[in-house]
Full PDB file with SEQRES, HELIX, SHEET, SSBOND, CRYST1, ORIGX, SCALE, CONECT and MASTER records, all heavy atoms in Angstrom:
SEQRES   1 A   40  ALA GLY ILE LEU GLY ILE SER GLU SER ALA VAL SER GLN          
SEQRES   2 A   40  HIS LEU ARG ILE LEU ARG THR LEU ARG LEU VAL LYS SER          
SEQRES   3 A   40  ARG LYS ASP GLY ARG LEU VAL TYR TYR ALA LEU ASP ASP          
SEQRES   4 A   40  SER                                                          
HELIX    1 AA1 GLU A    8  THR A   20  1                                  13    
SHEET    1 AA1 2 VAL A  24  ASP A  29  0                                        
SHEET    2 AA1 2 LEU A  32  LEU A  37 -1                                        
CRYST1    1.000    1.000    1.000  90.00  90.00  90.00 P 1           1          
ORIGX1      1.000000  0.000000  0.000000        0.00000                         
ORIGX2      0.000000  1.000000  0.000000        0.00000                         
ORIGX3      0.000000  0.000000  1.000000        0.00000                         
SCALE1      1.000000  0.000000  0.000000        0.00000                         
SCALE2      0.000000  1.000000  0.000000        0.00000                         
SCALE3      0.000000  0.000000  1.000000        0.00000                         
ATOM      1  N   ALA A   1       3.816   0.043   8.052  1.00  0.00           N  
ATOM      2  CA  ALA A   1       3.936   1.062   9.094  1.00  0.00           C  
ATOM      3  C   ALA A   1       5.028   0.675  10.083  1.00  0.00           C  
ATOM      4  O   ALA A   1       5.828   1.516  10.505  1.00  0.00           O  
ATOM      5  CB  ALA A   1       2.601   1.255   9.808  1.00  0.00           C  
ATOM      6  N   GLY A   2       5.089  -0.605  10.445  1.00  0.00           N  
ATOM      7  CA  GLY A   2       6.123  -1.083  11.357  1.00  0.00           C  
ATOM      8  C   GLY A   2       7.515  -0.979  10.764  1.00  0.00           C  
ATOM      9  O   GLY A   2       8.460  -0.575  11.445  1.00  0.00           O  
ATOM     10  N   ILE A   3       7.645  -1.314   9.515  1.00  0.00           N  
ATOM     11  CA  ILE A   3       8.945  -1.249   8.844  1.00  0.00           C  
ATOM     12  C   ILE A   3       9.435   0.197   8.747  1.00  0.00           C  
ATOM     13  O   ILE A   3      10.597   0.485   9.007  1.00  0.00           O  
ATOM     14  CB  ILE A   3       8.861  -1.877   7.427  1.00  0.00           C  
ATOM     15  CG1 ILE A   3       8.651  -3.395   7.528  1.00  0.00           C  
ATOM     16  CG2 ILE A   3      10.109  -1.558   6.606  1.00  0.00           C  
ATOM     17  CD1 ILE A   3       8.273  -4.058   6.208  1.00  0.00           C  
ATOM     18  N   LEU A   4       8.535   1.099   8.383  1.00  0.00           N  
ATOM     19  CA  LEU A   4       8.910   2.494   8.160  1.00  0.00           C  
ATOM     20  C   LEU A   4       8.928   3.318   9.435  1.00  0.00           C  
ATOM     21  O   LEU A   4       9.526   4.390   9.469  1.00  0.00           O  
ATOM     22  CB  LEU A   4       7.976   3.146   7.149  1.00  0.00           C  
ATOM     23  CG  LEU A   4       8.343   2.976   5.683  1.00  0.00           C  
ATOM     24  CD1 LEU A   4       8.236   1.542   5.228  1.00  0.00           C  
ATOM     25  CD2 LEU A   4       7.484   3.866   4.822  1.00  0.00           C  
ATOM     26  N   GLY A   5       8.237   2.848  10.472  1.00  0.00           N  
ATOM     27  CA  GLY A   5       8.168   3.609  11.718  1.00  0.00           C  
ATOM     28  C   GLY A   5       7.277   4.839  11.603  1.00  0.00           C  
ATOM     29  O   GLY A   5       7.552   5.858  12.235  1.00  0.00           O  
ATOM     30  N   ILE A   6       6.232   4.741  10.778  1.00  0.00           N  
ATOM     31  CA  ILE A   6       5.267   5.833  10.649  1.00  0.00           C  
ATOM     32  C   ILE A   6       3.868   5.261  10.854  1.00  0.00           C  
ATOM     33  O   ILE A   6       3.684   4.045  10.897  1.00  0.00           O  
ATOM     34  CB  ILE A   6       5.375   6.554   9.281  1.00  0.00           C  
ATOM     35  CG1 ILE A   6       5.096   5.601   8.117  1.00  0.00           C  
ATOM     36  CG2 ILE A   6       6.750   7.202   9.125  1.00  0.00           C  
ATOM     37  CD1 ILE A   6       5.072   6.279   6.750  1.00  0.00           C  
ATOM     38  N   SER A   7       2.881   6.114  10.966  1.00  0.00           N  
ATOM     39  CA  SER A   7       1.519   5.664  11.251  1.00  0.00           C  
ATOM     40  C   SER A   7       0.906   4.936  10.052  1.00  0.00           C  
ATOM     41  O   SER A   7       1.306   5.151   8.902  1.00  0.00           O  
ATOM     42  CB  SER A   7       0.634   6.857  11.621  1.00  0.00           C  
ATOM     43  OG  SER A   7       0.383   7.665  10.484  1.00  0.00           O  
ATOM     44  N   GLU A   8      -0.082   4.092  10.347  1.00  0.00           N  
ATOM     45  CA  GLU A   8      -0.802   3.403   9.283  1.00  0.00           C  
ATOM     46  C   GLU A   8      -1.521   4.402   8.385  1.00  0.00           C  
ATOM     47  O   GLU A   8      -1.618   4.201   7.179  1.00  0.00           O  
ATOM     48  CB  GLU A   8      -1.790   2.395   9.871  1.00  0.00           C  
ATOM     49  CG  GLU A   8      -1.113   1.202  10.506  1.00  0.00           C  
ATOM     50  CD  GLU A   8      -2.088   0.140  10.970  1.00  0.00           C  
ATOM     51  OE1 GLU A   8      -3.279   0.174  10.560  1.00  0.00           O  
ATOM     52  OE2 GLU A   8      -1.669  -0.737  11.740  1.00  0.00           O  
ATOM     53  N   SER A   9      -2.007   5.485   8.967  1.00  0.00           N  
ATOM     54  CA  SER A   9      -2.674   6.526   8.187  1.00  0.00           C  
ATOM     55  C   SER A   9      -1.712   7.139   7.166  1.00  0.00           C  
ATOM     56  O   SER A   9      -2.078   7.343   6.000  1.00  0.00           O  
ATOM     57  CB  SER A   9      -3.211   7.608   9.119  1.00  0.00           C  
ATOM     58  OG  SER A   9      -3.753   8.669   8.393  1.00  0.00           O  
ATOM     59  N   ALA A  10      -0.492   7.430   7.597  1.00  0.00           N  
ATOM     60  CA  ALA A  10       0.513   7.991   6.692  1.00  0.00           C  
ATOM     61  C   ALA A  10       0.853   6.993   5.583  1.00  0.00           C  
ATOM     62  O   ALA A  10       0.971   7.370   4.411  1.00  0.00           O  
ATOM     63  CB  ALA A  10       1.769   8.399   7.452  1.00  0.00           C  
ATOM     64  N   VAL A  11       1.002   5.722   5.942  1.00  0.00           N  
ATOM     65  CA  VAL A  11       1.292   4.683   4.942  1.00  0.00           C  
ATOM     66  C   VAL A  11       0.157   4.628   3.924  1.00  0.00           C  
ATOM     67  O   VAL A  11       0.396   4.569   2.712  1.00  0.00           O  
ATOM     68  CB  VAL A  11       1.505   3.302   5.607  1.00  0.00           C  
ATOM     69  CG1 VAL A  11       1.542   2.193   4.562  1.00  0.00           C  
ATOM     70  CG2 VAL A  11       2.780   3.292   6.422  1.00  0.00           C  
ATOM     71  N   SER A  12      -1.080   4.669   4.395  1.00  0.00           N  
ATOM     72  CA  SER A  12      -2.232   4.612   3.498  1.00  0.00           C  
ATOM     73  C   SER A  12      -2.240   5.784   2.524  1.00  0.00           C  
ATOM     74  O   SER A  12      -2.565   5.614   1.345  1.00  0.00           O  
ATOM     75  CB  SER A  12      -3.534   4.593   4.300  1.00  0.00           C  
ATOM     76  OG  SER A  12      -3.651   3.387   5.018  1.00  0.00           O  
ATOM     77  N   GLN A  13      -1.885   6.960   3.001  1.00  0.00           N  
ATOM     78  CA  GLN A  13      -1.836   8.131   2.122  1.00  0.00           C  
ATOM     79  C   GLN A  13      -0.771   7.956   1.041  1.00  0.00           C  
ATOM     80  O   GLN A  13      -0.999   8.279  -0.134  1.00  0.00           O  
ATOM     81  CB  GLN A  13      -1.565   9.395   2.931  1.00  0.00           C  
ATOM     82  CG  GLN A  13      -2.727   9.799   3.811  1.00  0.00           C  
ATOM     83  CD  GLN A  13      -2.396  10.996   4.692  1.00  0.00           C  
ATOM     84  OE1 GLN A  13      -1.416  11.690   4.471  1.00  0.00           O  
ATOM     85  NE2 GLN A  13      -3.226  11.227   5.696  1.00  0.00           N  
ATOM     86  N   HIS A  14       0.386   7.435   1.436  1.00  0.00           N  
ATOM     87  CA  HIS A  14       1.450   7.187   0.454  1.00  0.00           C  
ATOM     88  C   HIS A  14       1.026   6.112  -0.542  1.00  0.00           C  
ATOM     89  O   HIS A  14       1.273   6.242  -1.746  1.00  0.00           O  
ATOM     90  CB  HIS A  14       2.736   6.765   1.151  1.00  0.00           C  
ATOM     91  CG  HIS A  14       3.412   7.869   1.906  1.00  0.00           C  
ATOM     92  ND1 HIS A  14       3.771   9.061   1.319  1.00  0.00           N  
ATOM     93  CD2 HIS A  14       3.795   7.951   3.205  1.00  0.00           C  
ATOM     94  CE1 HIS A  14       4.350   9.835   2.220  1.00  0.00           C  
ATOM     95  NE2 HIS A  14       4.372   9.185   3.373  1.00  0.00           N  
ATOM     96  N   LEU A  15       0.376   5.052  -0.059  1.00  0.00           N  
ATOM     97  CA  LEU A  15      -0.056   3.973  -0.940  1.00  0.00           C  
ATOM     98  C   LEU A  15      -1.097   4.456  -1.948  1.00  0.00           C  
ATOM     99  O   LEU A  15      -1.114   3.997  -3.091  1.00  0.00           O  
ATOM    100  CB  LEU A  15      -0.610   2.802  -0.126  1.00  0.00           C  
ATOM    101  CG  LEU A  15       0.438   1.963   0.593  1.00  0.00           C  
ATOM    102  CD1 LEU A  15      -0.228   1.035   1.604  1.00  0.00           C  
ATOM    103  CD2 LEU A  15       1.272   1.169  -0.396  1.00  0.00           C  
ATOM    104  N   ARG A  16      -1.943   5.384  -1.541  1.00  0.00           N  
ATOM    105  CA  ARG A  16      -2.944   5.932  -2.453  1.00  0.00           C  
ATOM    106  C   ARG A  16      -2.254   6.582  -3.655  1.00  0.00           C  
ATOM    107  O   ARG A  16      -2.644   6.369  -4.805  1.00  0.00           O  
ATOM    108  CB  ARG A  16      -3.832   6.943  -1.735  1.00  0.00           C  
ATOM    109  CG  ARG A  16      -4.910   7.550  -2.626  1.00  0.00           C  
ATOM    110  CD  ARG A  16      -5.734   8.602  -1.909  1.00  0.00           C  
ATOM    111  NE  ARG A  16      -4.951   9.616  -1.231  1.00  0.00           N  
ATOM    112  CZ  ARG A  16      -4.359  10.664  -1.828  1.00  0.00           C  
ATOM    113  NH1 ARG A  16      -4.469  10.821  -3.129  1.00  0.00           N  
ATOM    114  NH2 ARG A  16      -3.665  11.537  -1.133  1.00  0.00           N  
ATOM    115  N   ILE A  17      -1.204   7.344  -3.391  1.00  0.00           N  
ATOM    116  CA  ILE A  17      -0.448   7.995  -4.465  1.00  0.00           C  
ATOM    117  C   ILE A  17       0.231   6.952  -5.350  1.00  0.00           C  
ATOM    118  O   ILE A  17       0.178   7.018  -6.576  1.00  0.00           O  
ATOM    119  CB  ILE A  17       0.582   8.983  -3.875  1.00  0.00           C  
ATOM    120  CG1 ILE A  17      -0.149  10.154  -3.204  1.00  0.00           C  
ATOM    121  CG2 ILE A  17       1.566   9.471  -4.938  1.00  0.00           C  
ATOM    122  CD1 ILE A  17       0.720  11.011  -2.317  1.00  0.00           C  
ATOM    123  N   LEU A  18       0.853   5.965  -4.720  1.00  0.00           N  
ATOM    124  CA  LEU A  18       1.549   4.923  -5.479  1.00  0.00           C  
ATOM    125  C   LEU A  18       0.585   4.084  -6.313  1.00  0.00           C  
ATOM    126  O   LEU A  18       0.920   3.675  -7.433  1.00  0.00           O  
ATOM    127  CB  LEU A  18       2.360   4.041  -4.521  1.00  0.00           C  
ATOM    128  CG  LEU A  18       3.514   4.738  -3.797  1.00  0.00           C  
ATOM    129  CD1 LEU A  18       4.095   3.825  -2.722  1.00  0.00           C  
ATOM    130  CD2 LEU A  18       4.582   5.187  -4.779  1.00  0.00           C  
ATOM    131  N   ARG A  19      -0.612   3.827  -5.777  1.00  0.00           N  
ATOM    132  CA  ARG A  19      -1.635   3.083  -6.526  1.00  0.00           C  
ATOM    133  C   ARG A  19      -2.127   3.893  -7.722  1.00  0.00           C  
ATOM    134  O   ARG A  19      -2.300   3.357  -8.814  1.00  0.00           O  
ATOM    135  CB  ARG A  19      -2.825   2.737  -5.632  1.00  0.00           C  
ATOM    136  CG  ARG A  19      -2.775   1.378  -5.013  1.00  0.00           C  
ATOM    137  CD  ARG A  19      -4.100   0.922  -4.426  1.00  0.00           C  
ATOM    138  NE  ARG A  19      -4.990   1.977  -3.978  1.00  0.00           N  
ATOM    139  CZ  ARG A  19      -5.035   2.481  -2.746  1.00  0.00           C  
ATOM    140  NH1 ARG A  19      -4.231   2.021  -1.823  1.00  0.00           N  
ATOM    141  NH2 ARG A  19      -5.892   3.426  -2.431  1.00  0.00           N  
ATOM    142  N   THR A  20      -2.355   5.179  -7.504  1.00  0.00           N  
ATOM    143  CA  THR A  20      -2.843   6.057  -8.572  1.00  0.00           C  
ATOM    144  C   THR A  20      -1.882   6.056  -9.756  1.00  0.00           C  
ATOM    145  O   THR A  20      -2.310   6.075 -10.911  1.00  0.00           O  
ATOM    146  CB  THR A  20      -3.035   7.494  -8.049  1.00  0.00           C  
ATOM    147  OG1 THR A  20      -3.998   7.465  -6.988  1.00  0.00           O  
ATOM    148  CG2 THR A  20      -3.503   8.433  -9.134  1.00  0.00           C  
ATOM    149  N   LEU A  21      -0.591   6.007  -9.471  1.00  0.00           N  
ATOM    150  CA  LEU A  21       0.424   6.014 -10.523  1.00  0.00           C  
ATOM    151  C   LEU A  21       0.785   4.603 -11.008  1.00  0.00           C  
ATOM    152  O   LEU A  21       1.722   4.432 -11.778  1.00  0.00           O  
ATOM    153  CB  LEU A  21       1.675   6.743 -10.031  1.00  0.00           C  
ATOM    154  CG  LEU A  21       1.461   8.237  -9.789  1.00  0.00           C  
ATOM    155  CD1 LEU A  21       2.658   8.842  -9.072  1.00  0.00           C  
ATOM    156  CD2 LEU A  21       1.193   8.962 -11.097  1.00  0.00           C  
ATOM    157  N   ARG A  22       0.058   3.605 -10.528  1.00  0.00           N  
ATOM    158  CA  ARG A  22       0.255   2.202 -10.893  1.00  0.00           C  
ATOM    159  C   ARG A  22       1.645   1.679 -10.532  1.00  0.00           C  
ATOM    160  O   ARG A  22       2.203   0.833 -11.222  1.00  0.00           O  
ATOM    161  CB  ARG A  22      -0.019   1.968 -12.379  1.00  0.00           C  
ATOM    162  CG  ARG A  22      -1.447   2.225 -12.778  1.00  0.00           C  
ATOM    163  CD  ARG A  22      -1.723   1.953 -14.228  1.00  0.00           C  
ATOM    164  NE  ARG A  22      -0.557   2.154 -15.064  1.00  0.00           N  
ATOM    165  CZ  ARG A  22      -0.231   1.385 -16.093  1.00  0.00           C  
ATOM    166  NH1 ARG A  22      -0.963   0.377 -16.430  1.00  0.00           N  
ATOM    167  NH2 ARG A  22       0.851   1.656 -16.799  1.00  0.00           N  
ATOM    168  N   LEU A  23       2.192   2.186  -9.430  1.00  0.00           N  
ATOM    169  CA  LEU A  23       3.464   1.654  -8.947  1.00  0.00           C  
ATOM    170  C   LEU A  23       3.226   0.465  -8.036  1.00  0.00           C  
ATOM    171  O   LEU A  23       4.068  -0.434  -7.937  1.00  0.00           O  
ATOM    172  CB  LEU A  23       4.260   2.736  -8.218  1.00  0.00           C  
ATOM    173  CG  LEU A  23       4.668   3.940  -9.072  1.00  0.00           C  
ATOM    174  CD1 LEU A  23       5.375   4.982  -8.223  1.00  0.00           C  
ATOM    175  CD2 LEU A  23       5.539   3.511 -10.224  1.00  0.00           C  
ATOM    176  N   VAL A  24       2.090   0.453  -7.344  1.00  0.00           N  
ATOM    177  CA  VAL A  24       1.712  -0.680  -6.503  1.00  0.00           C  
ATOM    178  C   VAL A  24       0.288  -1.105  -6.837  1.00  0.00           C  
ATOM    179  O   VAL A  24      -0.497  -0.331  -7.391  1.00  0.00           O  
ATOM    180  CB  VAL A  24       1.830  -0.369  -4.986  1.00  0.00           C  
ATOM    181  CG1 VAL A  24       3.247   0.007  -4.602  1.00  0.00           C  
ATOM    182  CG2 VAL A  24       0.839   0.677  -4.549  1.00  0.00           C  
ATOM    183  N   LYS A  25      -0.014  -2.341  -6.504  1.00  0.00           N  
ATOM    184  CA  LYS A  25      -1.370  -2.868  -6.664  1.00  0.00           C  
ATOM    185  C   LYS A  25      -1.799  -3.460  -5.333  1.00  0.00           C  
ATOM    186  O   LYS A  25      -0.965  -3.728  -4.450  1.00  0.00           O  
ATOM    187  CB  LYS A  25      -1.411  -3.920  -7.771  1.00  0.00           C  
ATOM    188  CG  LYS A  25      -0.513  -5.122  -7.522  1.00  0.00           C  
ATOM    189  CD  LYS A  25      -0.505  -6.048  -8.706  1.00  0.00           C  
ATOM    190  CE  LYS A  25       0.498  -7.184  -8.477  1.00  0.00           C  
ATOM    191  NZ  LYS A  25       0.585  -8.053  -9.646  1.00  0.00           N  
ATOM    192  N   SER A  26      -3.093  -3.656  -5.170  1.00  0.00           N  
ATOM    193  CA  SER A  26      -3.607  -4.186  -3.910  1.00  0.00           C  
ATOM    194  C   SER A  26      -4.425  -5.449  -4.152  1.00  0.00           C  
ATOM    195  O   SER A  26      -4.957  -5.667  -5.239  1.00  0.00           O  
ATOM    196  CB  SER A  26      -4.460  -3.129  -3.203  1.00  0.00           C  
ATOM    197  OG  SER A  26      -5.564  -2.763  -4.007  1.00  0.00           O  
ATOM    198  N   ARG A  27      -4.494  -6.256  -3.089  1.00  0.00           N  
ATOM    199  CA  ARG A  27      -5.276  -7.492  -3.113  1.00  0.00           C  
ATOM    200  C   ARG A  27      -5.923  -7.639  -1.750  1.00  0.00           C  
ATOM    201  O   ARG A  27      -5.245  -7.594  -0.726  1.00  0.00           O  
ATOM    202  CB  ARG A  27      -4.364  -8.683  -3.400  1.00  0.00           C  
ATOM    203  CG  ARG A  27      -5.065 -10.043  -3.335  1.00  0.00           C  
ATOM    204  CD  ARG A  27      -4.080 -11.172  -3.517  1.00  0.00           C  
ATOM    205  NE  ARG A  27      -3.136 -11.293  -2.427  1.00  0.00           N  
ATOM    206  CZ  ARG A  27      -3.372 -11.919  -1.268  1.00  0.00           C  
ATOM    207  NH1 ARG A  27      -4.551 -12.461  -1.023  1.00  0.00           N  
ATOM    208  NH2 ARG A  27      -2.429 -12.002  -0.344  1.00  0.00           N  
ATOM    209  N   LYS A  28      -7.236  -7.777  -1.732  1.00  0.00           N  
ATOM    210  CA  LYS A  28      -7.948  -7.915  -0.466  1.00  0.00           C  
ATOM    211  C   LYS A  28      -8.055  -9.385  -0.097  1.00  0.00           C  
ATOM    212  O   LYS A  28      -8.385 -10.234  -0.922  1.00  0.00           O  
ATOM    213  CB  LYS A  28      -9.334  -7.282  -0.576  1.00  0.00           C  
ATOM    214  CG  LYS A  28     -10.026  -7.152   0.738  1.00  0.00           C  
ATOM    215  CD  LYS A  28     -11.207  -6.233   0.651  1.00  0.00           C  
ATOM    216  CE  LYS A  28     -11.751  -6.082   2.068  1.00  0.00           C  
ATOM    217  NZ  LYS A  28     -12.641  -4.972   2.207  1.00  0.00           N  
ATOM    218  N   ASP A  29      -7.772  -9.675   1.173  1.00  0.00           N  
ATOM    219  CA  ASP A  29      -7.885 -11.032   1.705  1.00  0.00           C  
ATOM    220  C   ASP A  29      -8.620 -10.920   3.035  1.00  0.00           C  
ATOM    221  O   ASP A  29      -8.010 -10.599   4.059  1.00  0.00           O  
ATOM    222  CB  ASP A  29      -6.497 -11.646   1.891  1.00  0.00           C  
ATOM    223  CG  ASP A  29      -6.561 -13.107   2.325  1.00  0.00           C  
ATOM    224  OD1 ASP A  29      -7.651 -13.712   2.262  1.00  0.00           O  
ATOM    225  OD2 ASP A  29      -5.511 -13.639   2.730  1.00  0.00           O  
ATOM    226  N   GLY A  30      -9.919 -11.148   3.008  1.00  0.00           N  
ATOM    227  CA  GLY A  30     -10.714 -10.954   4.213  1.00  0.00           C  
ATOM    228  C   GLY A  30     -10.770  -9.477   4.557  1.00  0.00           C  
ATOM    229  O   GLY A  30     -11.134  -8.647   3.737  1.00  0.00           O  
ATOM    230  N   ARG A  31     -10.340  -9.155   5.768  1.00  0.00           N  
ATOM    231  CA  ARG A  31     -10.350  -7.757   6.208  1.00  0.00           C  
ATOM    232  C   ARG A  31      -9.039  -7.028   5.909  1.00  0.00           C  
ATOM    233  O   ARG A  31      -8.958  -5.824   6.094  1.00  0.00           O  
ATOM    234  CB  ARG A  31     -10.648  -7.699   7.707  1.00  0.00           C  
ATOM    235  CG  ARG A  31     -12.063  -8.133   8.039  1.00  0.00           C  
ATOM    236  CD  ARG A  31     -12.327  -8.181   9.503  1.00  0.00           C  
ATOM    237  NE  ARG A  31     -11.808  -6.999  10.180  1.00  0.00           N  
ATOM    238  CZ  ARG A  31     -12.162  -6.610  11.372  1.00  0.00           C  
ATOM    239  NH1 ARG A  31     -13.038  -7.302  12.043  1.00  0.00           N  
ATOM    240  NH2 ARG A  31     -11.631  -5.536  11.917  1.00  0.00           N  
ATOM    241  N   LEU A  32      -8.044  -7.762   5.494  1.00  0.00           N  
ATOM    242  CA  LEU A  32      -6.746  -7.150   5.217  1.00  0.00           C  
ATOM    243  C   LEU A  32      -6.559  -6.888   3.732  1.00  0.00           C  
ATOM    244  O   LEU A  32      -7.055  -7.633   2.891  1.00  0.00           O  
ATOM    245  CB  LEU A  32      -5.598  -8.046   5.711  1.00  0.00           C  
ATOM    246  CG  LEU A  32      -5.426  -8.166   7.215  1.00  0.00           C  
ATOM    247  CD1 LEU A  32      -4.311  -9.159   7.539  1.00  0.00           C  
ATOM    248  CD2 LEU A  32      -5.106  -6.812   7.828  1.00  0.00           C  
ATOM    249  N   VAL A  33      -5.832  -5.827   3.444  1.00  0.00           N  
ATOM    250  CA  VAL A  33      -5.460  -5.511   2.065  1.00  0.00           C  
ATOM    251  C   VAL A  33      -3.945  -5.627   1.976  1.00  0.00           C  
ATOM    252  O   VAL A  33      -3.218  -5.048   2.788  1.00  0.00           O  
ATOM    253  CB  VAL A  33      -5.912  -4.088   1.665  1.00  0.00           C  
ATOM    254  CG1 VAL A  33      -5.480  -3.780   0.243  1.00  0.00           C  
ATOM    255  CG2 VAL A  33      -7.418  -3.939   1.812  1.00  0.00           C  
ATOM    256  N   TYR A  34      -3.486  -6.401   1.020  1.00  0.00           N  
ATOM    257  CA  TYR A  34      -2.057  -6.594   0.810  1.00  0.00           C  
ATOM    258  C   TYR A  34      -1.619  -5.823  -0.426  1.00  0.00           C  
ATOM    259  O   TYR A  34      -2.335  -5.749  -1.413  1.00  0.00           O  
ATOM    260  CB  TYR A  34      -1.729  -8.079   0.637  1.00  0.00           C  
ATOM    261  CG  TYR A  34      -1.916  -8.857   1.915  1.00  0.00           C  
ATOM    262  CD1 TYR A  34      -3.129  -9.467   2.205  1.00  0.00           C  
ATOM    263  CD2 TYR A  34      -0.883  -8.959   2.828  1.00  0.00           C  
ATOM    264  CE1 TYR A  34      -3.305 -10.165   3.387  1.00  0.00           C  
ATOM    265  CE2 TYR A  34      -1.051  -9.654   4.018  1.00  0.00           C  
ATOM    266  CZ  TYR A  34      -2.267 -10.254   4.286  1.00  0.00           C  
ATOM    267  OH  TYR A  34      -2.438 -10.939   5.466  1.00  0.00           O  
ATOM    268  N   TYR A  35      -0.424  -5.279  -0.345  1.00  0.00           N  
ATOM    269  CA  TYR A  35       0.125  -4.466  -1.426  1.00  0.00           C  
ATOM    270  C   TYR A  35       1.371  -5.131  -1.982  1.00  0.00           C  
ATOM    271  O   TYR A  35       2.127  -5.777  -1.257  1.00  0.00           O  
ATOM    272  CB  TYR A  35       0.453  -3.059  -0.928  1.00  0.00           C  
ATOM    273  CG  TYR A  35      -0.794  -2.316  -0.539  1.00  0.00           C  
ATOM    274  CD1 TYR A  35      -1.312  -2.422   0.737  1.00  0.00           C  
ATOM    275  CD2 TYR A  35      -1.472  -1.538  -1.472  1.00  0.00           C  
ATOM    276  CE1 TYR A  35      -2.489  -1.763   1.092  1.00  0.00           C  
ATOM    277  CE2 TYR A  35      -2.643  -0.881  -1.134  1.00  0.00           C  
ATOM    278  CZ  TYR A  35      -3.141  -1.000   0.148  1.00  0.00           C  
ATOM    279  OH  TYR A  35      -4.307  -0.351   0.482  1.00  0.00           O  
ATOM    280  N   ALA A  36       1.560  -4.951  -3.289  1.00  0.00           N  
ATOM    281  CA  ALA A  36       2.732  -5.487  -3.985  1.00  0.00           C  
ATOM    282  C   ALA A  36       3.090  -4.514  -5.102  1.00  0.00           C  
ATOM    283  O   ALA A  36       2.284  -3.655  -5.478  1.00  0.00           O  
ATOM    284  CB  ALA A  36       2.417  -6.860  -4.569  1.00  0.00           C  
ATOM    285  N   LEU A  37       4.294  -4.640  -5.634  1.00  0.00           N  
ATOM    286  CA  LEU A  37       4.672  -3.831  -6.787  1.00  0.00           C  
ATOM    287  C   LEU A  37       3.774  -4.201  -7.960  1.00  0.00           C  
ATOM    288  O   LEU A  37       3.406  -5.369  -8.124  1.00  0.00           O  
ATOM    289  CB  LEU A  37       6.139  -4.053  -7.156  1.00  0.00           C  
ATOM    290  CG  LEU A  37       7.164  -3.633  -6.096  1.00  0.00           C  
ATOM    291  CD1 LEU A  37       8.578  -3.862  -6.616  1.00  0.00           C  
ATOM    292  CD2 LEU A  37       6.969  -2.184  -5.684  1.00  0.00           C  
ATOM    293  N   ASP A  38       3.406  -3.216  -8.745  1.00  0.00           N  
ATOM    294  CA  ASP A  38       2.460  -3.449  -9.832  1.00  0.00           C  
ATOM    295  C   ASP A  38       2.998  -4.427 -10.869  1.00  0.00           C  
ATOM    296  O   ASP A  38       2.272  -5.276 -11.353  1.00  0.00           O  
ATOM    297  CB  ASP A  38       2.074  -2.133 -10.497  1.00  0.00           C  
ATOM    298  CG  ASP A  38       0.927  -2.307 -11.455  1.00  0.00           C  
ATOM    299  OD1 ASP A  38      -0.201  -2.498 -10.977  1.00  0.00           O  
ATOM    300  OD2 ASP A  38       1.168  -2.283 -12.677  1.00  0.00           O  
ATOM    301  N   ASP A  39       4.272  -4.301 -11.216  1.00  0.00           N  
ATOM    302  CA  ASP A  39       4.867  -5.242 -12.165  1.00  0.00           C  
ATOM    303  C   ASP A  39       6.391  -5.179 -12.075  1.00  0.00           C  
ATOM    304  O   ASP A  39       6.942  -4.401 -11.300  1.00  0.00           O  
ATOM    305  CB  ASP A  39       4.383  -4.998 -13.605  1.00  0.00           C  
ATOM    306  CG  ASP A  39       4.721  -3.628 -14.143  1.00  0.00           C  
ATOM    307  OD1 ASP A  39       5.778  -3.065 -13.759  1.00  0.00           O  
ATOM    308  OD2 ASP A  39       3.954  -3.099 -14.953  1.00  0.00           O  
ATOM    309  N   SER A  40       7.046  -5.979 -12.882  1.00  0.00           N  
ATOM    310  CA  SER A  40       8.503  -6.086 -12.818  1.00  0.00           C  
ATOM    311  C   SER A  40       9.205  -4.802 -13.249  1.00  0.00           C  
ATOM    312  O   SER A  40      10.360  -4.588 -12.887  1.00  0.00           O  
ATOM    313  CB  SER A  40       8.989  -7.264 -13.664  1.00  0.00           C  
ATOM    314  OG  SER A  40       8.642  -7.061 -15.022  1.00  0.00           O  
TER     315      SER A  40                                                      
MASTER        0    0    0    1    2    0    0    6  314    1    0    4          
END                                                                             
């Protein structure tokens, strides 16, 4: 959200779409969820 200058809610909505299409994956660490590209 900080990098893009948009709300966390908007980022989450975009990430949901990207996750659904397997472009990104998530990893939970405590209360935070980290995102990365799904593969090379």
